[in-house]
PDB file of N, CA and C in Angstrom:
ATOM      1  N   UNK A   1     227.123  61.840  76.321  1.00  0.00           N
ATOM      2  CA  UNK A   1     227.256  61.452  77.670  1.00  0.00           C
ATOM      3  C   UNK A   1     226.973  61.191  78.438  1.00  0.00           C
ATOM      4  N   UNK A   2     225.638  61.089  78.427  1.00  0.00           N
ATOM      5  CA  UNK A   2     224.432  60.718  79.408  1.00  0.00           C
ATOM      6  C   UNK A   2     224.603  59.174  79.396  1.00  0.00           C
ATOM      7  N   UNK A   3     224.890  58.519  77.998  1.00  0.00           N
ATOM      8  CA  UNK A   3     224.898  57.375  77.913  1.00  0.00           C
ATOM      9  C   UNK A   3     225.692  56.255  78.856  1.00  0.00           C
ATOM     10  N   UNK A   4     227.437  57.070  78.884  1.00  0.00           N
ATOM     11  CA  UNK A   4     228.296  56.701  79.517  1.00  0.00           C
ATOM     12  C   UNK A   4     228.045  57.086  81.073  1.00  0.00           C
ATOM     13  N   UNK A   5     227.300  58.057  81.850  1.00  0.00           N
ATOM     14  CA  UNK A   5     226.746  58.549  83.055  1.00  0.00           C
ATOM     15  C   UNK A   5     225.993  57.274  83.358  1.00  0.00           C
ATOM     16  N   UNK A   6     224.952  57.067  82.132  1.00  0.00           N
ATOM     17  CA  UNK A   6     224.079  55.747  83.112  1.00  0.00           C
ATOM     18  C   UNK A   6     224.912  54.497  83.078  1.00  0.00           C
ATOM     19  N   UNK A   7     225.963  54.055  81.958  1.00  0.00           N
ATOM     20  CA  UNK A   7     225.833  52.403  82.028  1.00  0.00           C
ATOM     21  C   UNK A   7     227.211  52.337  83.231  1.00  0.00           C
ATOM     22  N   UNK A   8     227.735  53.712  83.874  1.00  0.00           N
ATOM     23  CA  UNK A   8     228.231  53.593  84.843  1.00  0.00           C
ATOM     24  C   UNK A   8     227.441  53.698  86.018  1.00  0.00           C
ATOM     25  N   UNK A   9     226.439  53.962  85.909  1.00  0.00           N
ATOM     26  CA  UNK A   9     226.042  54.454  87.692  1.00  0.00           C
ATOM     27  C   UNK A   9     225.356  52.176  87.785  1.00  0.00           C
ATOM     28  N   UNK A  10     225.276  51.903  86.337  1.00  0.00           N
ATOM     29  CA  UNK A  10     224.747  50.318  86.410  1.00  0.00           C
ATOM     30  C   UNK A  10     223.468  50.191  87.044  1.00  0.00           C
ATOM     31  N   UNK A  11     223.026  49.551  87.196  1.00  0.00           N
ATOM     32  CA  UNK A  11     221.837  49.135  87.876  1.00  0.00           C
ATOM     33  C   UNK A  11     221.364  49.295  89.032  1.00  0.00           C
ATOM     34  N   UNK A  12     221.769  50.313  89.611  1.00  0.00           N
ATOM     35  CA  UNK A  12     221.512  51.064  90.744  1.00  0.00           C
ATOM     36  C   UNK A  12     220.097  51.734  90.470  1.00  0.00           C
ATOM     37  N   UNK A  13     220.572  52.532  89.329  1.00  0.00           N
ATOM     38  CA  UNK A  13     219.262  53.413  88.977  1.00  0.00           C
ATOM     39  C   UNK A  13     218.117  52.779  88.390  1.00  0.00           C
ATOM     40  N   UNK A  14     217.862  51.714  87.663  1.00  0.00           N
ATOM     41  CA  UNK A  14     217.021  50.875  87.809  1.00  0.00           C
ATOM     42  C   UNK A  14     216.232  50.350  88.842  1.00  0.00           C
ATOM     43  N   UNK A  15     217.355  49.407  89.921  1.00  0.00           N
ATOM     44  CA  UNK A  15     216.446  49.165  91.393  1.00  0.00           C
ATOM     45  C   UNK A  15     216.020  50.095  91.777  1.00  0.00           C
ATOM     46  N   UNK A  16     216.636  51.407  91.817  1.00  0.00           N
ATOM     47  CA  UNK A  16     216.002  52.153  92.902  1.00  0.00           C
ATOM     48  C   UNK A  16     214.262  52.685  92.338  1.00  0.00           C
ATOM     49  N   UNK A  17     214.051  52.744  90.928  1.00  0.00           N
ATOM     50  CA  UNK A  17     212.928  52.561  90.178  1.00  0.00           C
ATOM     51  C   UNK A  17     212.374  51.693  90.693  1.00  0.00           C
ATOM     52  N   UNK A  18     213.073  50.556  90.546  1.00  0.00           N
ATOM     53  CA  UNK A  18     211.588  49.224  91.156  1.00  0.00           C
ATOM     54  C   UNK A  18     211.119  49.398  92.476  1.00  0.00           C
ATOM     55  N   UNK A  19     212.661  49.443  92.950  1.00  0.00           N
ATOM     56  CA  UNK A  19     212.000  49.682  95.188  1.00  0.00           C
ATOM     57  C   UNK A  19     211.183  50.389  94.577  1.00  0.00           C
ATOM     58  N   UNK A  20     211.397  51.582  94.141  1.00  0.00           N
ATOM     59  CA  UNK A  20     210.568  52.591  94.769  1.00  0.00           C
ATOM     60  C   UNK A  20     208.894  52.381  94.277  1.00  0.00           C
ATOM     61  N   UNK A  21     208.770  51.560  93.014  1.00  0.00           N
ATOM     62  CA  UNK A  21     207.130  50.974  92.281  1.00  0.00           C
ATOM     63  C   UNK A  21     206.660  50.007  93.218  1.00  0.00           C
ATOM     64  N   UNK A  22     207.287  49.127  94.022  1.00  0.00           N
ATOM     65  CA  UNK A  22     207.123  48.235  94.695  1.00  0.00           C
ATOM     66  C   UNK A  22     206.472  49.332  95.847  1.00  0.00           C
ATOM     67  N   UNK A  23     207.239  50.016  96.648  1.00  0.00           N
ATOM     68  CA  UNK A  23     206.598  50.331  97.603  1.00  0.00           C
ATOM     69  C   UNK A  23     205.406  51.085  97.554  1.00  0.00           C
ATOM     70  N   UNK A  24     205.216  51.722  96.290  1.00  0.00           N
ATOM     71  CA  UNK A  24     204.238  51.845  95.877  1.00  0.00           C
ATOM     72  C   UNK A  24     202.566  51.013  95.692  1.00  0.00           C
ATOM     73  N   UNK A  25     202.978  49.914  95.165  1.00  0.00           N
ATOM     74  CA  UNK A  25     202.062  48.655  95.565  1.00  0.00           C
ATOM     75  C   UNK A  25     201.983  48.103  97.404  1.00  0.00           C
ATOM     76  N   UNK A  26     202.657  48.155  97.804  1.00  0.00           N
ATOM     77  CA  UNK A  26     202.918  48.031  99.457  1.00  0.00           C
ATOM     78  C   UNK A  26     202.223  48.979 100.405  1.00  0.00           C
ATOM     79  N   UNK A  27     202.406  50.379  99.994  1.00  0.00           N
ATOM     80  CA  UNK A  27     201.235  51.375 100.580  1.00  0.00           C
ATOM     81  C   UNK A  27     199.968  51.217  99.907  1.00  0.00           C
ATOM     82  N   UNK A  28     199.489  50.929  98.414  1.00  0.00           N
ATOM     83  CA  UNK A  28     198.589  50.610  98.431  1.00  0.00           C
ATOM     84  C   UNK A  28     198.063  49.793  98.563  1.00  0.00           C
ATOM     85  N   UNK A  29     198.629  48.868  99.591  1.00  0.00           N
ATOM     86  CA  UNK A  29     198.025  47.158 100.199  1.00  0.00           C
ATOM     87  C   UNK A  29     197.679  47.761 101.879  1.00  0.00           C
ATOM     88  N   UNK A  30     198.701  48.306 102.471  1.00  0.00           N
ATOM     89  CA  UNK A  30     198.170  48.936 103.310  1.00  0.00           C
ATOM     90  C   UNK A  30     197.515  50.087 103.393  1.00  0.00           C
ATOM     91  N   UNK A  31     197.221  50.305 102.783  1.00  0.00           N
ATOM     92  CA  UNK A  31     196.029  51.640 102.762  1.00  0.00           C
ATOM     93  C   UNK A  31     194.335  51.457 102.451  1.00  0.00           C
ATOM     94  N   UNK A  32     194.512  49.815 102.168  1.00  0.00           N
ATOM     95  CA  UNK A  32     193.307  49.048 101.635  1.00  0.00           C
ATOM     96  C   UNK A  32     192.877  47.876 102.382  1.00  0.00           C
ATOM     97  N   UNK A  33     193.511  47.934 103.645  1.00  0.00           N
ATOM     98  CA  UNK A  33     193.719  46.991 104.461  1.00  0.00           C
ATOM     99  C   UNK A  33     192.004  46.290 105.247  1.00  0.00           C
ATOM    100  N   UNK A  34     191.406  47.943 105.115  1.00  0.00           N
ATOM    101  CA  UNK A  34     190.223  47.613 105.281  1.00  0.00           C
ATOM    102  C   UNK A  34     188.634  47.534 104.048  1.00  0.00           C
ATOM    103  N   UNK A  35     189.291  47.577 102.886  1.00  0.00           N
ATOM    104  CA  UNK A  35     188.605  48.080 102.201  1.00  0.00           C
ATOM    105  C   UNK A  35     187.874  45.986 101.835  1.00  0.00           C
ATOM    106  N   UNK A  36     186.590  46.248 101.788  1.00  0.00           N
ATOM    107  CA  UNK A  36     186.142  44.590 101.444  1.00  0.00           C
ATOM    108  C   UNK A  36     186.432  44.548 100.105  1.00  0.00           C
ATOM    109  N   UNK A  37     187.142  43.207  99.875  1.00  0.00           N
ATOM    110  CA  UNK A  37     187.130  42.877  98.685  1.00  0.00           C
ATOM    111  C   UNK A  37     188.351  43.259  98.311  1.00  0.00           C
ATOM    112  N   UNK A  38     189.363  44.043  98.331  1.00  0.00           N
ATOM    113  CA  UNK A  38     190.840  44.264  97.973  1.00  0.00           C
ATOM    114  C   UNK A  38     191.179  43.242  97.654  1.00  0.00           C
ATOM    115  N   UNK A  39     191.898  42.973  96.722  1.00  0.00           N
ATOM    116  CA  UNK A  39     192.905  41.589  96.790  1.00  0.00           C
ATOM    117  C   UNK A  39     194.681  42.688  96.275  1.00  0.00           C
ATOM    118  N   UNK A  40     195.496  42.495  98.052  1.00  0.00           N
ATOM    119  CA  UNK A  40     196.800  42.354  98.065  1.00  0.00           C
ATOM    120  C   UNK A  40     197.544  42.465  96.776  1.00  0.00           C
ATOM    121  N   UNK A  41     198.504  43.206  96.278  1.00  0.00           N
ATOM    122  CA  UNK A  41     199.540  43.063  95.499  1.00  0.00           C
ATOM    123  C   UNK A  41     200.554  43.055  95.670  1.00  0.00           C
ATOM    124  N   UNK A  42     201.343  42.534  94.520  1.00  0.00           N
ATOM    125  CA  UNK A  42     202.600  42.697  94.939  1.00  0.00           C
ATOM    126  C   UNK A  42     203.869  42.585  92.964  1.00  0.00           C
ATOM    127  N   UNK A  43     204.933  43.011  93.431  1.00  0.00           N
ATOM    128  CA  UNK A  43     206.102  43.069  92.661  1.00  0.00           C
ATOM    129  C   UNK A  43     206.952  41.965  92.456  1.00  0.00           C
ATOM    130  N   UNK A  44     206.391  40.922  91.210  1.00  0.00           N
ATOM    131  CA  UNK A  44     208.476  40.197  91.260  1.00  0.00           C
ATOM    132  C   UNK A  44     209.226  40.893  90.777  1.00  0.00           C
ATOM    133  N   UNK A  45     209.793  41.526  92.306  1.00  0.00           N
ATOM    134  CA  UNK A  45     211.181  42.007  91.977  1.00  0.00           C
ATOM    135  C   UNK A  45     212.744  41.729  90.875  1.00  0.00           C
ATOM    136  N   UNK A  46     212.424  40.909  90.606  1.00  0.00           N
ATOM    137  CA  UNK A  46     213.534  39.926  89.889  1.00  0.00           C
ATOM    138  C   UNK A  46     213.471  40.097  88.735  1.00  0.00           C
ATOM    139  N   UNK A  47     211.844  40.230  88.242  1.00  0.00           N
ATOM    140  CA  UNK A  47     211.667  39.734  86.816  1.00  0.00           C
ATOM    141  C   UNK A  47     211.205  41.577  86.228  1.00  0.00           C
ATOM    142  N   UNK A  48     210.619  41.993  87.534  1.00  0.00           N
ATOM    143  CA  UNK A  48     210.778  43.795  86.868  1.00  0.00           C
ATOM    144  C   UNK A  48     212.242  44.405  86.773  1.00  0.00           C
ATOM    145  N   UNK A  49     213.402  44.115  87.331  1.00  0.00           N
ATOM    146  CA  UNK A  49     214.790  44.488  87.444  1.00  0.00           C
ATOM    147  C   UNK A  49     214.732  44.092  86.195  1.00  0.00           C
ATOM    148  N   UNK A  50     215.185  42.976  85.490  1.00  0.00           N
ATOM    149  CA  UNK A  50     215.551  42.109  84.640  1.00  0.00           C
ATOM    150  C   UNK A  50     214.677  43.241  83.533  1.00  0.00           C
ATOM    151  N   UNK A  51     213.201  43.477  83.286  1.00  0.00           N
ATOM    152  CA  UNK A  51     213.269  44.015  82.195  1.00  0.00           C
ATOM    153  C   UNK A  51     213.432  45.545  82.368  1.00  0.00           C
ATOM    154  N   UNK A  52     213.894  46.351  83.502  1.00  0.00           N
ATOM    155  CA  UNK A  52     213.970  48.147  83.497  1.00  0.00           C
ATOM    156  C   UNK A  52     215.523  47.733  82.915  1.00  0.00           C
ATOM    157  N   UNK A  53     216.336  46.546  83.499  1.00  0.00           N
ATOM    158  CA  UNK A  53     218.044  46.554  82.726  1.00  0.00           C
ATOM    159  C   UNK A  53     217.909  45.887  81.777  1.00  0.00           C
ATOM    160  N   UNK A  54     216.659  45.857  80.199  1.00  0.00           N
ATOM    161  CA  UNK A  54     217.358  45.576  79.481  1.00  0.00           C
ATOM    162  C   UNK A  54     216.994  44.143  79.700  1.00  0.00           C
ATOM    163  N   UNK A  55     217.044  43.258  80.187  1.00  0.00           N
ATOM    164  CA  UNK A  55     216.845  41.717  80.141  1.00  0.00           C
ATOM    165  C   UNK A  55     216.496  41.221  79.267  1.00  0.00           C
ATOM    166  N   UNK A  56     214.792  41.739  78.938  1.00  0.00           N
ATOM    167  CA  UNK A  56     214.080  41.773  78.074  1.00  0.00           C
ATOM    168  C   UNK A  56     214.289  41.910  77.039  1.00  0.00           C
ATOM    169  N   UNK A  57     213.802  41.686  75.546  1.00  0.00           N
ATOM    170  CA  UNK A  57     214.296  41.671  74.228  1.00  0.00           C
ATOM    171  C   UNK A  57     213.688  43.345  74.017  1.00  0.00           C
ATOM    172  N   UNK A  58     213.890  44.232  73.731  1.00  0.00           N
ATOM    173  CA  UNK A  58     213.296  45.163  73.020  1.00  0.00           C
ATOM    174  C   UNK A  58     214.270  46.306  72.255  1.00  0.00           C
ATOM    175  N   UNK A  59     213.691  46.527  70.684  1.00  0.00           N
ATOM    176  CA  UNK A  59     214.716  46.613  70.262  1.00  0.00           C
ATOM    177  C   UNK A  59     213.931  47.231  69.466  1.00  0.00           C
ATOM    178  N   UNK A  60     214.236  48.728  68.996  1.00  0.00           N
ATOM    179  CA  UNK A  60     213.845  50.078  68.632  1.00  0.00           C
ATOM    180  C   UNK A  60     213.981  50.006  66.795  1.00  0.00           C
ATOM    181  N   UNK A  61     212.935  49.632  66.377  1.00  0.00           N
ATOM    182  CA  UNK A  61     213.427  50.052  64.770  1.00  0.00           C
ATOM    183  C   UNK A  61     212.916  51.382  64.081  1.00  0.00           C
ATOM    184  N   UNK A  62     211.783  51.798  64.588  1.00  0.00           N
ATOM    185  CA  UNK A  62     211.799  53.444  63.827  1.00  0.00           C
ATOM    186  C   UNK A  62     211.719  54.085  65.304  1.00  0.00           C
ATOM    187  N   UNK A  63     211.729  55.262  64.469  1.00  0.00           N
ATOM    188  CA  UNK A  63     212.017  56.670  65.838  1.00  0.00           C
ATOM    189  C   UNK A  63     211.181  56.719  66.766  1.00  0.00           C
ATOM    190  N   UNK A  64     210.050  56.626  66.590  1.00  0.00           N
ATOM    191  CA  UNK A  64     208.460  56.693  67.493  1.00  0.00           C
ATOM    192  C   UNK A  64     208.491  55.551  68.246  1.00  0.00           C
ATOM    193  N   UNK A  65     209.419  54.709  68.421  1.00  0.00           N
ATOM    194  CA  UNK A  65     209.302  53.735  69.730  1.00  0.00           C
ATOM    195  C   UNK A  65     209.532  54.225  71.226  1.00  0.00           C
ATOM    196  N   UNK A  66     208.979  53.785  71.548  1.00  0.00           N
ATOM    197  CA  UNK A  66     210.032  53.795  72.810  1.00  0.00           C
ATOM    198  C   UNK A  66     210.717  52.975  73.206  1.00  0.00           C
ATOM    199  N   UNK A  67     211.732  53.643  73.569  1.00  0.00           N
ATOM    200  CA  UNK A  67     213.457  52.893  74.041  1.00  0.00           C
ATOM    201  C   UNK A  67     213.165  52.637  75.884  1.00  0.00           C
ATOM    202  N   UNK A  68     214.008  51.742  75.972  1.00  0.00           N
ATOM    203  CA  UNK A  68     214.222  51.186  77.435  1.00  0.00           C
ATOM    204  C   UNK A  68     214.921  52.101  78.229  1.00  0.00           C
ATOM    205  N   UNK A  69     213.901  52.530  79.590  1.00  0.00           N
ATOM    206  CA  UNK A  69     214.127  53.495  80.239  1.00  0.00           C
ATOM    207  C   UNK A  69     213.244  54.636  80.010  1.00  0.00           C
ATOM    208  N   UNK A  70     212.346  55.001  78.746  1.00  0.00           N
ATOM    209  CA  UNK A  70     211.247  55.955  79.067  1.00  0.00           C
ATOM    210  C   UNK A  70     210.371  55.731  79.322  1.00  0.00           C
ATOM    211  N   UNK A  71     209.922  54.472  79.641  1.00  0.00           N
ATOM    212  CA  UNK A  71     208.701  54.481  79.641  1.00  0.00           C
ATOM    213  C   UNK A  71     208.599  54.135  81.516  1.00  0.00           C
ATOM    214  N   UNK A  72     209.422  54.253  82.472  1.00  0.00           N
ATOM    215  CA  UNK A  72     209.792  54.299  83.632  1.00  0.00           C
ATOM    216  C   UNK A  72     209.599  52.254  83.736  1.00  0.00           C
ATOM    217  N   UNK A  73     209.229  52.240  85.569  1.00  0.00           N
ATOM    218  CA  UNK A  73     208.839  50.362  85.600  1.00  0.00           C
ATOM    219  C   UNK A  73     207.949  50.041  85.261  1.00  0.00           C
ATOM    220  N   UNK A  74     208.403  49.072  84.697  1.00  0.00           N
ATOM    221  CA  UNK A  74     207.012  48.161  83.500  1.00  0.00           C
ATOM    222  C   UNK A  74     207.101  46.537  84.289  1.00  0.00           C
ATOM    223  N   UNK A  75     205.745  46.314  85.857  1.00  0.00           N
ATOM    224  CA  UNK A  75     206.387  45.494  86.252  1.00  0.00           C
ATOM    225  C   UNK A  75     204.816  44.481  86.433  1.00  0.00           C
ATOM    226  N   UNK A  76     205.023  43.510  86.034  1.00  0.00           N
ATOM    227  CA  UNK A  76     203.274  42.587  86.217  1.00  0.00           C
ATOM    228  C   UNK A  76     203.428  43.025  87.987  1.00  0.00           C
ATOM    229  N   UNK A  77     201.869  42.978  87.793  1.00  0.00           N
ATOM    230  CA  UNK A  77     201.552  43.007  89.327  1.00  0.00           C
ATOM    231  C   UNK A  77     200.909  41.498  89.883  1.00  0.00           C
ATOM    232  N   UNK A  78     201.224  41.239  90.168  1.00  0.00           N
ATOM    233  CA  UNK A  78     200.762  39.554  91.263  1.00  0.00           C
ATOM    234  C   UNK A  78     199.953  39.604  92.260  1.00  0.00           C
ATOM    235  N   UNK A  79     199.066  38.803  92.798  1.00  0.00           N
ATOM    236  CA  UNK A  79     198.232  39.210  93.294  1.00  0.00           C
ATOM    237  C   UNK A  79     199.221  37.808  94.873  1.00  0.00           C
ATOM    238  N   UNK A  80     198.905  38.687  95.547  1.00  0.00           N
ATOM    239  CA  UNK A  80     198.896  37.724  96.968  1.00  0.00           C
ATOM    240  C   UNK A  80     198.026  36.528  97.678  1.00  0.00           C
ATOM    241  N   UNK A  81     198.326  35.528  97.764  1.00  0.00           N
ATOM    242  CA  UNK A  81     197.300  34.528  98.220  1.00  0.00           C
ATOM    243  C   UNK A  81     197.777  34.887 100.235  1.00  0.00           C
ATOM    244  N   UNK A  82     196.784  35.157 100.477  1.00  0.00           N
ATOM    245  CA  UNK A  82     196.296  35.102 102.359  1.00  0.00           C
ATOM    246  C   UNK A  82     196.743  33.955 102.867  1.00  0.00           C
ATOM    247  N   UNK A  83     197.546  34.571 103.950  1.00  0.00           N
ATOM    248  CA  UNK A  83     197.724  33.010 104.724  1.00  0.00           C
ATOM    249  C   UNK A  83     196.262  32.412 105.801  1.00  0.00           C
ATOM    250  N   UNK A  84     195.485  33.726 105.749  1.00  0.00           N
ATOM    251  CA  UNK A  84     194.399  33.246 106.433  1.00  0.00           C
ATOM    252  C   UNK A  84     193.285  34.265 105.654  1.00  0.00           C
ATOM    253  N   UNK A  85     192.562  33.392 104.943  1.00  0.00           N
ATOM    254  CA  UNK A  85     191.639  34.643 104.446  1.00  0.00           C
ATOM    255  C   UNK A  85     190.463  34.821 105.355  1.00  0.00           C
ATOM    256  N   UNK A  86     190.046  36.592 104.879  1.00  0.00           N
ATOM    257  CA  UNK A  86     189.242  37.284 105.783  1.00  0.00           C
ATOM    258  C   UNK A  86     187.645  37.334 105.527  1.00  0.00           C
ATOM    259  N   UNK A  87     186.326  37.128 105.827  1.00  0.00           N
ATOM    260  CA  UNK A  87     185.358  36.996 105.470  1.00  0.00           C
ATOM    261  C   UNK A  87     184.956  37.490 104.650  1.00  0.00           C
ATOM    262  N   UNK A  88     185.472  39.146 104.672  1.00  0.00           N
ATOM    263  CA  UNK A  88     185.298  40.279 103.142  1.00  0.00           C
ATOM    264  C   UNK A  88     185.849  40.132 101.729  1.00  0.00           C
ATOM    265  N   UNK A  89     187.000  39.080 101.972  1.00  0.00           N
ATOM    266  CA  UNK A  89     187.278  39.143 100.294  1.00  0.00           C
ATOM    267  C   UNK A  89     188.460  39.984 100.514  1.00  0.00           C
ATOM    268  N   UNK A  90     189.271  40.375 101.798  1.00  0.00           N
ATOM    269  CA  UNK A  90     190.069  41.282 101.591  1.00  0.00           C
ATOM    270  C   UNK A  90     191.529  40.604 101.414  1.00  0.00           C
ATOM    271  N   UNK A  91     192.371  40.695 100.612  1.00  0.00           N
ATOM    272  CA  UNK A  91     193.501  39.362 101.263  1.00  0.00           C
ATOM    273  C   UNK A  91     194.557  40.144 101.615  1.00  0.00           C
ATOM    274  N   UNK A  92     194.175  41.713 101.989  1.00  0.00           N
ATOM    275  CA  UNK A  92     195.474  41.879 102.848  1.00  0.00           C
ATOM    276  C   UNK A  92     195.668  41.975 104.314  1.00  0.00           C
ATOM    277  N   UNK A  93     197.267  41.152 104.451  1.00  0.00           N
ATOM    278  CA  UNK A  93     197.539  41.267 105.878  1.00  0.00           C
ATOM    279  C   UNK A  93     199.022  42.263 106.212  1.00  0.00           C
ATOM    280  N   UNK A  94     198.352  42.892 107.059  1.00  0.00           N
ATOM    281  CA  UNK A  94     199.060  43.887 107.472  1.00  0.00           C
ATOM    282  C   UNK A  94     200.301  43.739 107.939  1.00  0.00           C
ATOM    283  N   UNK A  95     200.417  42.973 109.256  1.00  0.00           N
ATOM    284  CA  UNK A  95     201.638  42.165 109.308  1.00  0.00           C
ATOM    285  C   UNK A  95     202.609  41.822 108.113  1.00  0.00           C
ATOM    286  N   UNK A  96     201.758  41.340 106.853  1.00  0.00           N
ATOM    287  CA  UNK A  96     202.909  40.436 106.136  1.00  0.00           C
ATOM    288  C   UNK A  96     203.319  41.868 105.423  1.00  0.00           C
ATOM    289  N   UNK A  97     202.364  42.683 105.005  1.00  0.00           N
ATOM    290  CA  UNK A  97     202.293  43.973 104.404  1.00  0.00           C
ATOM    291  C   UNK A  97     203.867  44.671 104.779  1.00  0.00           C
ATOM    292  N   UNK A  98     203.350  44.755 106.576  1.00  0.00           N
ATOM    293  CA  UNK A  98     204.590  45.814 106.761  1.00  0.00           C
ATOM    294  C   UNK A  98     205.628  45.492 106.594  1.00  0.00           C
ATOM    295  N   UNK A  99     205.707  44.192 107.181  1.00  0.00           N
ATOM    296  CA  UNK A  99     207.207  43.388 106.923  1.00  0.00           C
ATOM    297  C   UNK A  99     208.156  43.422 105.304  1.00  0.00           C
ATOM    298  N   UNK A 100     207.367  43.196 104.754  1.00  0.00           N
ATOM    299  CA  UNK A 100     207.283  43.414 102.978  1.00  0.00           C
ATOM    300  C   UNK A 100     207.747  45.098 102.757  1.00  0.00           C
ATOM    301  N   UNK A 101     207.077  45.739 103.493  1.00  0.00           N
ATOM    302  CA  UNK A 101     207.147  47.444 102.983  1.00  0.00           C
ATOM    303  C   UNK A 101     208.500  47.616 103.498  1.00  0.00           C
ATOM    304  N   UNK A 102     208.977  47.046 105.260  1.00  0.00           N
ATOM    305  CA  UNK A 102     210.323  47.542 105.740  1.00  0.00           C
ATOM    306  C   UNK A 102     211.713  46.977 105.226  1.00  0.00           C
ATOM    307  N   UNK A 103     211.081  45.812 104.619  1.00  0.00           N
ATOM    308  CA  UNK A 103     212.279  45.066 103.625  1.00  0.00           C
ATOM    309  C   UNK A 103     212.383  46.064 102.513  1.00  0.00           C
ATOM    310  N   UNK A 104     211.513  46.559 102.036  1.00  0.00           N
ATOM    311  CA  UNK A 104     212.075  46.762 100.543  1.00  0.00           C
ATOM    312  C   UNK A 104     212.344  48.254 100.840  1.00  0.00           C
ATOM    313  N   UNK A 105     212.341  49.018 101.862  1.00  0.00           N
ATOM    314  CA  UNK A 105     212.264  50.142 102.466  1.00  0.00           C
ATOM    315  C   UNK A 105     214.569  50.081 102.312  1.00  0.00           C
ATOM    316  N   UNK A 106     214.432  48.662 103.280  1.00  0.00           N
ATOM    317  CA  UNK A 106     215.798  48.544 103.806  1.00  0.00           C
ATOM    318  C   UNK A 106     216.817  48.724 102.208  1.00  0.00           C
ATOM    319  N   UNK A 107     216.181  47.537 101.484  1.00  0.00           N
ATOM    320  CA  UNK A 107     216.595  47.550  99.831  1.00  0.00           C
ATOM    321  C   UNK A 107     217.071  48.692  99.487  1.00  0.00           C
ATOM    322  N   UNK A 108     215.976  49.286  99.525  1.00  0.00           N
ATOM    323  CA  UNK A 108     216.086  50.909  98.550  1.00  0.00           C
ATOM    324  C   UNK A 108     217.142  51.508  99.000  1.00  0.00           C
ATOM    325  N   UNK A 109     217.102  51.326 100.482  1.00  0.00           N
ATOM    326  CA  UNK A 109     218.231  52.565 100.932  1.00  0.00           C
ATOM    327  C   UNK A 109     220.122  52.396 100.827  1.00  0.00           C
ATOM    328  N   UNK A 110     219.872  51.009 101.309  1.00  0.00           N
ATOM    329  CA  UNK A 110     221.236  49.754 100.059  1.00  0.00           C
ATOM    330  C   UNK A 110     221.384  50.657  98.980  1.00  0.00           C
ATOM    331  N   UNK A 111     220.571  50.168  97.976  1.00  0.00           N
ATOM    332  CA  UNK A 111     220.699  50.512  97.041  1.00  0.00           C
ATOM    333  C   UNK A 111     221.145  52.519  96.707  1.00  0.00           C
ATOM    334  N   UNK A 112     220.539  52.783  96.994  1.00  0.00           N
ATOM    335  CA  UNK A 112     221.188  54.325  97.113  1.00  0.00           C
ATOM    336  C   UNK A 112     222.128  55.174  97.833  1.00  0.00           C
ATOM    337  N   UNK A 113     222.637  54.088  98.744  1.00  0.00           N
ATOM    338  CA  UNK A 113     224.464  53.906  98.794  1.00  0.00           C
ATOM    339  C   UNK A 113     224.923  53.603  98.694  1.00  0.00           C
ATOM    340  N   UNK A 114     224.679  52.512  97.557  1.00  0.00           N
ATOM    341  CA  UNK A 114     225.583  52.022  96.447  1.00  0.00           C
ATOM    342  C   UNK A 114     225.641  52.827  95.374  1.00  0.00           C
ATOM    343  N   UNK A 115     224.638  53.771  94.873  1.00  0.00           N
ATOM    344  CA  UNK A 115     224.599  54.703  93.983  1.00  0.00           C
ATOM    345  C   UNK A 115     225.603  55.866  94.297  1.00  0.00           C
ATOM    346  N   UNK A 116     225.633  56.142  95.716  1.00  0.00           N
ATOM    347  CA  UNK A 116     226.260  57.185  96.265  1.00  0.00           C
ATOM    348  C   UNK A 116     227.500  57.257  95.949  1.00  0.00           C
ATOM    349  N   UNK A 117     227.765  55.745  96.768  1.00  0.00           N
ATOM    350  CA  UNK A 117     228.979  55.376  96.308  1.00  0.00           C
ATOM    351  C   UNK A 117     229.673  55.519  95.403  1.00  0.00           C
ATOM    352  N   UNK A 118     229.100  54.909  94.227  1.00  0.00           N
ATOM    353  CA  UNK A 118     229.128  54.803  92.923  1.00  0.00           C
ATOM    354  C   UNK A 118     229.853  56.689  92.315  1.00  0.00           C
ATOM    355  N   UNK A 119     228.949  57.067  92.279  1.00  0.00           N
ATOM    356  CA  UNK A 119     228.803  58.835  92.027  1.00  0.00           C
ATOM    357  C   UNK A 119     230.023  59.680  92.261  1.00  0.00           C
ATOM    358  N   UNK A 120     230.095  59.302  93.982  1.00  0.00           N
ATOM    359  CA  UNK A 120     231.476  59.781  94.927  1.00  0.00           C
ATOM    360  C   UNK A 120     232.629  59.647  94.072  1.00  0.00           C
ATOM    361  N   UNK A 121     233.120  58.222  93.946  1.00  0.00           N
ATOM    362  CA  UNK A 121     234.224  57.800  92.977  1.00  0.00           C
ATOM    363  C   UNK A 121     234.098  57.992  91.885  1.00  0.00           C
ATOM    364  N   UNK A 122     233.186  58.010  90.723  1.00  0.00           N
ATOM    365  CA  UNK A 122     233.407  59.454  89.832  1.00  0.00           C
ATOM    366  C   UNK A 122     234.408  61.263  89.894  1.00  0.00           C
ATOM    367  N   UNK A 123     233.130  61.209  90.942  1.00  0.00           N
ATOM    368  CA  UNK A 123     233.258  63.132  91.092  1.00  0.00           C
ATOM    369  C   UNK A 123     235.027  63.212  91.614  1.00  0.00           C
ATOM    370  N   UNK A 124     235.467  61.940  92.571  1.00  0.00           N
ATOM    371  CA  UNK A 124     236.943  61.751  92.623  1.00  0.00           C
ATOM    372  C   UNK A 124     237.867  61.517  91.480  1.00  0.00           C
ATOM    373  N   UNK A 125     237.603  60.364  90.634  1.00  0.00           N
ATOM    374  CA  UNK A 125     238.208  60.547  89.303  1.00  0.00           C
ATOM    375  C   UNK A 125     237.936  61.932  88.608  1.00  0.00           C
ATOM    376  N   UNK A 126     236.865  62.182  88.252  1.00  0.00           N
ATOM    377  CA  UNK A 126     236.933  63.735  87.837  1.00  0.00           C
ATOM    378  C   UNK A 126     237.859  64.717  88.503  1.00  0.00           C
ATOM    379  N   UNK A 127     237.947  64.323  89.636  1.00  0.00           N
ATOM    380  CA  UNK A 127     239.069  65.773  90.014  1.00  0.00           C
ATOM    381  C   UNK A 127     240.120  65.661  90.344  1.00  0.00           C
ATOM    382  N   UNK A 128     240.186  63.949  90.038  1.00  0.00           N
ATOM    383  CA  UNK A 128     241.917  63.592  90.017  1.00  0.00           C
ATOM    384  C   UNK A 128     242.551  63.216  91.257  1.00  0.00           C
ATOM    385  N   UNK A 129     241.842  63.022  92.234  1.00  0.00           N
ATOM    386  CA  UNK A 129     242.451  62.539  93.684  1.00  0.00           C
ATOM    387  C   UNK A 129     242.652  61.758  94.146  1.00  0.00           C
TER     388      UNK A 129
END
C-alpha cells in the first residue's frame, strides 16, 4: 500500500523535500551574510530532484543497502559566484539570496498545493464521490 500511495503522489513529495533542503541552504547563506570568508552555496534543483526521484541509477543488491527515499535529499552543494566580491572574502549577496529564498518558497508552496490536490482527489475516489 505504501508503494502505491507514494507512486500516486508523484514527484510532489520529492520536490517538497528538495525545496526544503534548498531553503535550509539559502537560510544558512543569509544568516552568514556578515561572516568573513563565508562562501555562499546553493543546490542545483534539477539534479537534486532527479536523484531524489530515482533519475540516477541506484540498485539494491543486498538487504543492507540504502534504497531510494531512505536517505533524504542528497544534493551536491554548489558555490555561488558573487557579482561583486567583498573585501573580507564573503560571497553572500543578501538581495540575491533573499530573491532566491522567496522564489524557492513560492515553488515550495505550489508543490504543496499540487500535493494537496492529489490527496483530495484520492480521498474523493476512495469515498466514491
